Amino acid sequence: MNQGTTKIAFNIGGALIGAVLACVSIFGLIAQQNSVSQPQTYKSTITYGQ
């Protein structure tokens, strides 16, 4: 491949990797927000037989 083709290939590859990373980070943020919305109940006694 000549230099122009290599540059285009790197640009396309970088764009694809960036898009994948963006999707993973957005999914991670959504999963984190969903886990925060669940209420946590505090109990002073520890029960082991649930």
C-alpha atoms as a PDB file:
ATOM      1  CA  MET A   1       0.000   0.000   0.000  1.00  0.00           C
ATOM      2  CA  ASN A   2       1.188   3.471  -0.693  1.00  0.00           C
ATOM      3  CA  GLN A   3       1.276   6.207   1.931  1.00  0.00           C
ATOM      4  CA  GLY A   4      -2.146   7.668   1.063  1.00  0.00           C
ATOM      5  CA  THR A   5      -3.902   4.325   1.293  1.00  0.00           C
ATOM      6  CA  THR A   6      -2.218   3.574   4.604  1.00  0.00           C
ATOM      7  CA  LYS A   7      -3.324   6.941   5.996  1.00  0.00           C
ATOM      8  CA  ILE A   8      -6.936   6.295   4.938  1.00  0.00           C
ATOM      9  CA  ALA A   9      -6.845   2.813   6.476  1.00  0.00           C
ATOM     10  CA  PHE A  10      -5.572   4.202   9.786  1.00  0.00           C
ATOM     11  CA  ASN A  11      -8.245   6.914   9.760  1.00  0.00           C
ATOM     12  CA  ILE A  12     -11.018   4.362   9.179  1.00  0.00           C
ATOM     13  CA  GLY A  13      -9.587   1.990  11.786  1.00  0.00           C
ATOM     14  CA  GLY A  14      -9.250   4.779  14.338  1.00  0.00           C
ATOM     15  CA  ALA A  15     -12.808   5.934  13.696  1.00  0.00           C
ATOM     16  CA  LEU A  16     -14.142   2.399  14.176  1.00  0.00           C
ATOM     17  CA  ILE A  17     -12.176   1.897  17.396  1.00  0.00           C
ATOM     18  CA  GLY A  18     -13.369   5.289  18.659  1.00  0.00           C
ATOM     19  CA  ALA A  19     -16.986   4.431  17.901  1.00  0.00           C
ATOM     20  CA  VAL A  20     -16.696   1.097  19.711  1.00  0.00           C
ATOM     21  CA  LEU A  21     -15.124   2.754  22.753  1.00  0.00           C
ATOM     22  CA  ALA A  22     -17.849   5.415  22.758  1.00  0.00           C
ATOM     23  CA  CYS A  23     -20.575   2.734  22.693  1.00  0.00           C
ATOM     24  CA  VAL A  24     -18.914   0.825  25.529  1.00  0.00           C
ATOM     25  CA  SER A  25     -18.581   3.953  27.682  1.00  0.00           C
ATOM     26  CA  ILE A  26     -22.196   5.000  27.039  1.00  0.00           C
ATOM     27  CA  PHE A  27     -23.403   1.508  27.924  1.00  0.00           C
ATOM     28  CA  GLY A  28     -21.285   1.597  31.090  1.00  0.00           C
ATOM     29  CA  LEU A  29     -22.781   4.934  32.134  1.00  0.00           C
ATOM     30  CA  ILE A  30     -26.318   3.661  31.542  1.00  0.00           C
ATOM     31  CA  ALA A  31     -25.635   0.506  33.556  1.00  0.00           C
ATOM     32  CA  GLN A  32     -24.149   2.570  36.385  1.00  0.00           C
ATOM     33  CA  GLN A  33     -27.132   4.916  36.477  1.00  0.00           C
ATOM     34  CA  ASN A  34     -29.564   1.988  36.553  1.00  0.00           C
ATOM     35  CA  SER A  35     -27.744   0.393  39.468  1.00  0.00           C
ATOM     36  CA  VAL A  36     -27.815   3.643  41.456  1.00  0.00           C
ATOM     37  CA  SER A  37     -31.599   3.997  41.145  1.00  0.00           C
ATOM     38  CA  GLN A  38     -32.245   0.836  43.160  1.00  0.00           C
ATOM     39  CA  PRO A  39     -32.978   1.702  46.794  1.00  0.00           C
ATOM     40  CA  GLN A  40     -30.645   0.411  49.443  1.00  0.00           C
ATOM     41  CA  THR A  41     -32.114  -0.599  52.757  1.00  0.00           C
ATOM     42  CA  TYR A  42     -30.057  -0.415  55.912  1.00  0.00           C
ATOM     43  CA  LYS A  43     -30.509  -3.044  58.593  1.00  0.00           C
ATOM     44  CA  SER A  44     -28.570  -3.048  61.791  1.00  0.00           C
ATOM     45  CA  THR A  45     -28.830  -6.839  62.153  1.00  0.00           C
ATOM     46  CA  ILE A  46     -26.988  -9.157  59.810  1.00  0.00           C
ATOM     47  CA  THR A  47     -29.012 -12.121  58.572  1.00  0.00           C
ATOM     48  CA  TYR A  48     -27.182 -15.016  56.939  1.00  0.00           C
ATOM     49  CA  GLY A  49     -30.029 -17.359  56.001  1.00  0.00           C
ATOM     50  CA  GLN A  50     -31.630 -15.544  53.109  1.00  0.00           C
END
